[in-house]
Amino acid sequence: MSISYCKLWKLLIDKKMTRTDLKQQSGISTSTLAKLSKGENVTTDVLVRICRALKCDITDIMELEHKDEQE
């Protein structure tokens, strides 16, 4: 299982915002923005700050991708 932030990037396009706008409005760092771009893990605090800045729910900015998992 992995995390996808594709919903976040689509939401930014819908709101006509750049990643720099997101960084400034949410107060996240450049390194955190890079982690999001790479689909890496970030803290829930970061996700909450993004949701506050975009006035959205956490499910509007991320989702879990289920890869073909073998048990």
PDB file of N, CA and C in Angstrom:
ATOM      1  N   MET A   1       0.843  -1.173   0.000  1.00  0.00           N
ATOM      2  CA  MET A   1       0.000   0.000   0.000  1.00  0.00           C
ATOM      3  C   MET A   1       0.891   1.240   0.000  1.00  0.00           C
ATOM      4  N   SER A   2       0.476   2.241  -0.732  1.00  0.00           N
ATOM      5  CA  SER A   2       1.224   3.487  -0.748  1.00  0.00           C
ATOM      6  C   SER A   2       0.253   4.663  -0.727  1.00  0.00           C
ATOM      7  N   ILE A   3       0.800   5.841  -0.468  1.00  0.00           N
ATOM      8  CA  ILE A   3      -0.014   7.051  -0.382  1.00  0.00           C
ATOM      9  C   ILE A   3       0.112   7.819  -1.687  1.00  0.00           C
ATOM     10  N   SER A   4      -1.019   8.314  -2.163  1.00  0.00           N
ATOM     11  CA  SER A   4      -1.026   9.141  -3.370  1.00  0.00           C
ATOM     12  C   SER A   4      -1.580  10.515  -3.015  1.00  0.00           C
ATOM     13  N   TYR A   5      -0.878  11.534  -3.466  1.00  0.00           N
ATOM     14  CA  TYR A   5      -1.334  12.912  -3.263  1.00  0.00           C
ATOM     15  C   TYR A   5      -1.845  13.522  -4.563  1.00  0.00           C
ATOM     16  N   CYS A   6      -2.210  12.677  -5.524  1.00  0.00           N
ATOM     17  CA  CYS A   6      -2.733  13.171  -6.809  1.00  0.00           C
ATOM     18  C   CYS A   6      -3.951  14.070  -6.607  1.00  0.00           C
ATOM     19  N   LYS A   7      -4.772  13.721  -5.635  1.00  0.00           N
ATOM     20  CA  LYS A   7      -5.953  14.553  -5.354  1.00  0.00           C
ATOM     21  C   LYS A   7      -5.553  15.968  -4.939  1.00  0.00           C
ATOM     22  N   LEU A   8      -4.467  16.095  -4.206  1.00  0.00           N
ATOM     23  CA  LEU A   8      -3.977  17.401  -3.790  1.00  0.00           C
ATOM     24  C   LEU A   8      -3.586  18.233  -5.003  1.00  0.00           C
ATOM     25  N   TRP A   9      -2.838  17.641  -5.918  1.00  0.00           N
ATOM     26  CA  TRP A   9      -2.387  18.392  -7.096  1.00  0.00           C
ATOM     27  C   TRP A   9      -3.557  18.792  -7.982  1.00  0.00           C
ATOM     28  N   LYS A  10      -4.557  17.920  -8.096  1.00  0.00           N
ATOM     29  CA  LYS A  10      -5.754  18.256  -8.873  1.00  0.00           C
ATOM     30  C   LYS A  10      -6.531  19.391  -8.206  1.00  0.00           C
ATOM     31  N   LEU A  11      -6.603  19.341  -6.870  1.00  0.00           N
ATOM     32  CA  LEU A  11      -7.307  20.391  -6.133  1.00  0.00           C
ATOM     33  C   LEU A  11      -6.615  21.742  -6.316  1.00  0.00           C
ATOM     34  N   LEU A  12      -5.297  21.742  -6.310  1.00  0.00           N
ATOM     35  CA  LEU A  12      -4.562  22.990  -6.542  1.00  0.00           C
ATOM     36  C   LEU A  12      -4.883  23.558  -7.921  1.00  0.00           C
ATOM     37  N   ILE A  13      -4.961  22.695  -8.921  1.00  0.00           N
ATOM     38  CA  ILE A  13      -5.312  23.147 -10.268  1.00  0.00           C
ATOM     39  C   ILE A  13      -6.720  23.740 -10.275  1.00  0.00           C
ATOM     40  N   ASP A  14      -7.662  23.044  -9.624  1.00  0.00           N
ATOM     41  CA  ASP A  14      -9.045  23.538  -9.563  1.00  0.00           C
ATOM     42  C   ASP A  14      -9.141  24.895  -8.884  1.00  0.00           C
ATOM     43  N   LYS A  15      -8.288  25.110  -7.873  1.00  0.00           N
ATOM     44  CA  LYS A  15      -8.307  26.367  -7.133  1.00  0.00           C
ATOM     45  C   LYS A  15      -7.367  27.419  -7.748  1.00  0.00           C
ATOM     46  N   LYS A  16      -6.757  27.043  -8.889  1.00  0.00           N
ATOM     47  CA  LYS A  16      -5.818  27.931  -9.584  1.00  0.00           C
ATOM     48  C   LYS A  16      -4.693  28.405  -8.657  1.00  0.00           C
ATOM     49  N   MET A  17      -4.132  27.443  -7.932  1.00  0.00           N
ATOM     50  CA  MET A  17      -3.040  27.703  -7.000  1.00  0.00           C
ATOM     51  C   MET A  17      -1.784  26.988  -7.461  1.00  0.00           C
ATOM     52  N   THR A  18      -0.645  27.564  -7.147  1.00  0.00           N
ATOM     53  CA  THR A  18       0.632  26.904  -7.414  1.00  0.00           C
ATOM     54  C   THR A  18       1.091  26.188  -6.144  1.00  0.00           C
ATOM     55  N   ARG A  19       2.118  25.393  -6.273  1.00  0.00           N
ATOM     56  CA  ARG A  19       2.693  24.721  -5.107  1.00  0.00           C
ATOM     57  C   ARG A  19       3.313  25.755  -4.165  1.00  0.00           C
ATOM     58  N   THR A  20       3.833  26.828  -4.735  1.00  0.00           N
ATOM     59  CA  THR A  20       4.382  27.906  -3.913  1.00  0.00           C
ATOM     60  C   THR A  20       3.283  28.572  -3.103  1.00  0.00           C
ATOM     61  N   ASP A  21       2.116  28.787  -3.723  1.00  0.00           N
ATOM     62  CA  ASP A  21       0.965  29.340  -3.005  1.00  0.00           C
ATOM     63  C   ASP A  21       0.587  28.436  -1.831  1.00  0.00           C
ATOM     64  N   LEU A  22       0.558  27.131  -2.092  1.00  0.00           N
ATOM     65  CA  LEU A  22       0.228  26.174  -1.036  1.00  0.00           C
ATOM     66  C   LEU A  22       1.237  26.264   0.096  1.00  0.00           C
ATOM     67  N   LYS A  23       2.507  26.317  -0.251  1.00  0.00           N
ATOM     68  CA  LYS A  23       3.565  26.387   0.754  1.00  0.00           C
ATOM     69  C   LYS A  23       3.397  27.628   1.631  1.00  0.00           C
ATOM     70  N   GLN A  24       3.126  28.750   1.015  1.00  0.00           N
ATOM     71  CA  GLN A  24       2.982  29.996   1.761  1.00  0.00           C
ATOM     72  C   GLN A  24       1.719  30.016   2.619  1.00  0.00           C
ATOM     73  N   GLN A  25       0.611  29.562   2.077  1.00  0.00           N
ATOM     74  CA  GLN A  25      -0.659  29.612   2.814  1.00  0.00           C
ATOM     75  C   GLN A  25      -0.738  28.596   3.945  1.00  0.00           C
ATOM     76  N   SER A  26      -0.087  27.453   3.770  1.00  0.00           N
ATOM     77  CA  SER A  26      -0.165  26.409   4.797  1.00  0.00           C
ATOM     78  C   SER A  26       1.005  26.463   5.770  1.00  0.00           C
ATOM     79  N   GLY A  27       2.079  27.147   5.389  1.00  0.00           N
ATOM     80  CA  GLY A  27       3.243  27.241   6.259  1.00  0.00           C
ATOM     81  C   GLY A  27       4.111  25.995   6.260  1.00  0.00           C
ATOM     82  N   ILE A  28       4.005  25.183   5.217  1.00  0.00           N
ATOM     83  CA  ILE A  28       4.854  23.992   5.146  1.00  0.00           C
ATOM     84  C   ILE A  28       6.199  24.361   4.522  1.00  0.00           C
ATOM     85  N   SER A  29       7.189  23.533   4.758  1.00  0.00           N
ATOM     86  CA  SER A  29       8.534  23.816   4.257  1.00  0.00           C
ATOM     87  C   SER A  29       8.709  23.302   2.825  1.00  0.00           C
ATOM     88  N   THR A  30       9.760  23.749   2.206  1.00  0.00           N
ATOM     89  CA  THR A  30      10.103  23.294   0.861  1.00  0.00           C
ATOM     90  C   THR A  30      10.392  21.795   0.857  1.00  0.00           C
ATOM     91  N   SER A  31      11.055  21.313   1.887  1.00  0.00           N
ATOM     92  CA  SER A  31      11.368  19.881   1.955  1.00  0.00           C
ATOM     93  C   SER A  31      10.097  19.044   2.120  1.00  0.00           C
ATOM     94  N   THR A  32       9.131  19.567   2.849  1.00  0.00           N
ATOM     95  CA  THR A  32       7.861  18.849   2.996  1.00  0.00           C
ATOM     96  C   THR A  32       7.117  18.820   1.670  1.00  0.00           C
ATOM     97  N   LEU A  33       7.151  19.917   0.957  1.00  0.00           N
ATOM     98  CA  LEU A  33       6.523  19.971  -0.362  1.00  0.00           C
ATOM     99  C   LEU A  33       7.184  18.963  -1.309  1.00  0.00           C
ATOM    100  N   ALA A  34       8.491  18.824  -1.201  1.00  0.00           N
ATOM    101  CA  ALA A  34       9.214  17.842  -2.012  1.00  0.00           C
ATOM    102  C   ALA A  34       8.784  16.424  -1.652  1.00  0.00           C
ATOM    103  N   LYS A  35       8.601  16.154  -0.363  1.00  0.00           N
ATOM    104  CA  LYS A  35       8.135  14.828   0.068  1.00  0.00           C
ATOM    105  C   LYS A  35       6.754  14.532  -0.514  1.00  0.00           C
ATOM    106  N   LEU A  36       5.881  15.520  -0.475  1.00  0.00           N
ATOM    107  CA  LEU A  36       4.543  15.341  -1.041  1.00  0.00           C
ATOM    108  C   LEU A  36       4.637  15.049  -2.536  1.00  0.00           C
ATOM    109  N   SER A  37       5.505  15.761  -3.225  1.00  0.00           N
ATOM    110  CA  SER A  37       5.674  15.569  -4.668  1.00  0.00           C
ATOM    111  C   SER A  37       6.149  14.165  -4.999  1.00  0.00           C
ATOM    112  N   LYS A  38       6.929  13.572  -4.107  1.00  0.00           N
ATOM    113  CA  LYS A  38       7.469  12.226  -4.324  1.00  0.00           C
ATOM    114  C   LYS A  38       6.555  11.134  -3.761  1.00  0.00           C
ATOM    115  N   GLY A  39       5.433  11.539  -3.134  1.00  0.00           N
ATOM    116  CA  GLY A  39       4.519  10.559  -2.561  1.00  0.00           C
ATOM    117  C   GLY A  39       5.040   9.937  -1.285  1.00  0.00           C
ATOM    118  N   GLU A  40       5.919  10.646  -0.598  1.00  0.00           N
ATOM    119  CA  GLU A  40       6.481  10.129   0.648  1.00  0.00           C
ATOM    120  C   GLU A  40       5.583  10.487   1.835  1.00  0.00           C
ATOM    121  N   ASN A  41       5.856   9.859   2.967  1.00  0.00           N
ATOM    122  CA  ASN A  41       5.074  10.104   4.169  1.00  0.00           C
ATOM    123  C   ASN A  41       5.381  11.476   4.755  1.00  0.00           C
ATOM    124  N   VAL A  42       4.331  12.138   5.228  1.00  0.00           N
ATOM    125  CA  VAL A  42       4.465  13.386   5.969  1.00  0.00           C
ATOM    126  C   VAL A  42       3.614  13.250   7.227  1.00  0.00           C
ATOM    127  N   THR A  43       3.809  14.151   8.183  1.00  0.00           N
ATOM    128  CA  THR A  43       3.063  14.041   9.438  1.00  0.00           C
ATOM    129  C   THR A  43       1.609  14.460   9.249  1.00  0.00           C
ATOM    130  N   THR A  44       0.779  14.006  10.164  1.00  0.00           N
ATOM    131  CA  THR A  44      -0.630  14.409  10.108  1.00  0.00           C
ATOM    132  C   THR A  44      -0.774  15.904  10.358  1.00  0.00           C
ATOM    133  N   ASP A  45       0.142  16.486  11.112  1.00  0.00           N
ATOM    134  CA  ASP A  45       0.121  17.930  11.329  1.00  0.00           C
ATOM    135  C   ASP A  45       0.225  18.675   9.996  1.00  0.00           C
ATOM    136  N   VAL A  46       1.095  18.226   9.133  1.00  0.00           N
ATOM    137  CA  VAL A  46       1.251  18.834   7.806  1.00  0.00           C
ATOM    138  C   VAL A  46      -0.037  18.700   7.011  1.00  0.00           C
ATOM    139  N   LEU A  47      -0.619  17.523   7.024  1.00  0.00           N
ATOM    140  CA  LEU A  47      -1.862  17.293   6.286  1.00  0.00           C
ATOM    141  C   LEU A  47      -2.989  18.180   6.795  1.00  0.00           C
ATOM    142  N   VAL A  48      -3.072  18.342   8.107  1.00  0.00           N
ATOM    143  CA  VAL A  48      -4.099  19.204   8.698  1.00  0.00           C
ATOM    144  C   VAL A  48      -3.875  20.660   8.294  1.00  0.00           C
ATOM    145  N   ARG A  49      -2.625  21.105   8.295  1.00  0.00           N
ATOM    146  CA  ARG A  49      -2.324  22.487   7.886  1.00  0.00           C
ATOM    147  C   ARG A  49      -2.702  22.737   6.432  1.00  0.00           C
ATOM    148  N   ILE A  50      -2.464  21.739   5.583  1.00  0.00           N
ATOM    149  CA  ILE A  50      -2.860  21.858   4.177  1.00  0.00           C
ATOM    150  C   ILE A  50      -4.374  21.919   4.050  1.00  0.00           C
ATOM    151  N   CYS A  51      -5.065  21.066   4.794  1.00  0.00           N
ATOM    152  CA  CYS A  51      -6.530  21.055   4.750  1.00  0.00           C
ATOM    153  C   CYS A  51      -7.113  22.387   5.232  1.00  0.00           C
ATOM    154  N   ARG A  52      -6.526  22.953   6.266  1.00  0.00           N
ATOM    155  CA  ARG A  52      -6.993  24.260   6.741  1.00  0.00           C
ATOM    156  C   ARG A  52      -6.793  25.325   5.669  1.00  0.00           C
ATOM    157  N   ALA A  53      -5.631  25.317   5.044  1.00  0.00           N
ATOM    158  CA  ALA A  53      -5.319  26.322   4.023  1.00  0.00           C
ATOM    159  C   ALA A  53      -6.251  26.195   2.813  1.00  0.00           C
ATOM    160  N   LEU A  54      -6.586  24.960   2.457  1.00  0.00           N
ATOM    161  CA  LEU A  54      -7.431  24.732   1.281  1.00  0.00           C
ATOM    162  C   LEU A  54      -8.915  24.615   1.621  1.00  0.00           C
ATOM    163  N   LYS A  55      -9.220  24.643   2.917  1.00  0.00           N
ATOM    164  CA  LYS A  55     -10.609  24.493   3.394  1.00  0.00           C
ATOM    165  C   LYS A  55     -11.241  23.218   2.814  1.00  0.00           C
ATOM    166  N   CYS A  56     -10.564  22.112   3.102  1.00  0.00           N
ATOM    167  CA  CYS A  56     -11.040  20.831   2.587  1.00  0.00           C
ATOM    168  C   CYS A  56     -10.838  19.743   3.641  1.00  0.00           C
ATOM    169  N   ASP A  57     -11.247  18.552   3.320  1.00  0.00           N
ATOM    170  CA  ASP A  57     -11.090  17.385   4.183  1.00  0.00           C
ATOM    171  C   ASP A  57      -9.851  16.599   3.752  1.00  0.00           C
ATOM    172  N   ILE A  58      -9.326  15.807   4.648  1.00  0.00           N
ATOM    173  CA  ILE A  58      -8.106  15.046   4.349  1.00  0.00           C
ATOM    174  C   ILE A  58      -8.300  14.092   3.170  1.00  0.00           C
ATOM    175  N   THR A  59      -9.502  13.572   3.006  1.00  0.00           N
ATOM    176  CA  THR A  59      -9.764  12.667   1.880  1.00  0.00           C
ATOM    177  C   THR A  59      -9.794  13.413   0.549  1.00  0.00           C
ATOM    178  N   ASP A  60      -9.824  14.736   0.591  1.00  0.00           N
ATOM    179  CA  ASP A  60      -9.781  15.535  -0.633  1.00  0.00           C
ATOM    180  C   ASP A  60      -8.360  15.722  -1.156  1.00  0.00           C
ATOM    181  N   ILE A  61      -7.356  15.386  -0.334  1.00  0.00           N
ATOM    182  CA  ILE A  61      -5.974  15.633  -0.748  1.00  0.00           C
ATOM    183  C   ILE A  61      -5.110  14.381  -0.841  1.00  0.00           C
ATOM    184  N   MET A  62      -5.606  13.261  -0.336  1.00  0.00           N
ATOM    185  CA  MET A  62      -4.792  12.041  -0.379  1.00  0.00           C
ATOM    186  C   MET A  62      -5.664  10.805  -0.429  1.00  0.00           C
ATOM    187  N   GLU A  63      -5.046   9.711  -0.852  1.00  0.00           N
ATOM    188  CA  GLU A  63      -5.729   8.417  -0.845  1.00  0.00           C
ATOM    189  C   GLU A  63      -4.686   7.312  -0.780  1.00  0.00           C
ATOM    190  N   LEU A  64      -5.119   6.161  -0.352  1.00  0.00           N
ATOM    191  CA  LEU A  64      -4.240   4.989  -0.311  1.00  0.00           C
ATOM    192  C   LEU A  64      -4.372   4.245  -1.625  1.00  0.00           C
ATOM    193  N   GLU A  65      -3.236   3.897  -2.188  1.00  0.00           N
ATOM    194  CA  GLU A  65      -3.230   3.088  -3.404  1.00  0.00           C
ATOM    195  C   GLU A  65      -2.908   1.661  -3.023  1.00  0.00           C
ATOM    196  N   HIS A  66      -3.759   0.776  -3.438  1.00  0.00           N
ATOM    197  CA  HIS A  66      -3.549  -0.643  -3.149  1.00  0.00           C
ATOM    198  C   HIS A  66      -2.860  -1.284  -4.345  1.00  0.00           C
ATOM    199  N   LYS A  67      -1.628  -1.648  -4.154  1.00  0.00           N
ATOM    200  CA  LYS A  67      -0.873  -2.368  -5.189  1.00  0.00           C
ATOM    201  C   LYS A  67      -1.252  -3.834  -5.092  1.00  0.00           C
ATOM    202  N   ASP A  68      -0.868  -4.594  -6.077  1.00  0.00           N
ATOM    203  CA  ASP A  68      -1.125  -6.035  -6.010  1.00  0.00           C
ATOM    204  C   ASP A  68      -0.292  -6.622  -4.876  1.00  0.00           C
ATOM    205  N   GLU A  69      -0.934  -6.781  -3.739  1.00  0.00           N
ATOM    206  CA  GLU A  69      -0.230  -7.264  -2.544  1.00  0.00           C
ATOM    207  C   GLU A  69      -0.382  -8.781  -2.456  1.00  0.00           C
ATOM    208  N   GLN A  70       0.704  -9.423  -2.156  1.00  0.00           N
ATOM    209  CA  GLN A  70       0.667 -10.862  -1.943  1.00  0.00           C
ATOM    210  C   GLN A  70       0.923 -11.139  -0.478  1.00  0.00           C
ATOM    211  N   GLU A  71       0.129 -12.030   0.068  1.00  0.00           N
ATOM    212  CA  GLU A  71       0.294 -12.374   1.474  1.00  0.00           C
ATOM    213  C   GLU A  71       0.922 -13.714   1.616  1.00  0.00           C
TER     214      GLU A  71
END
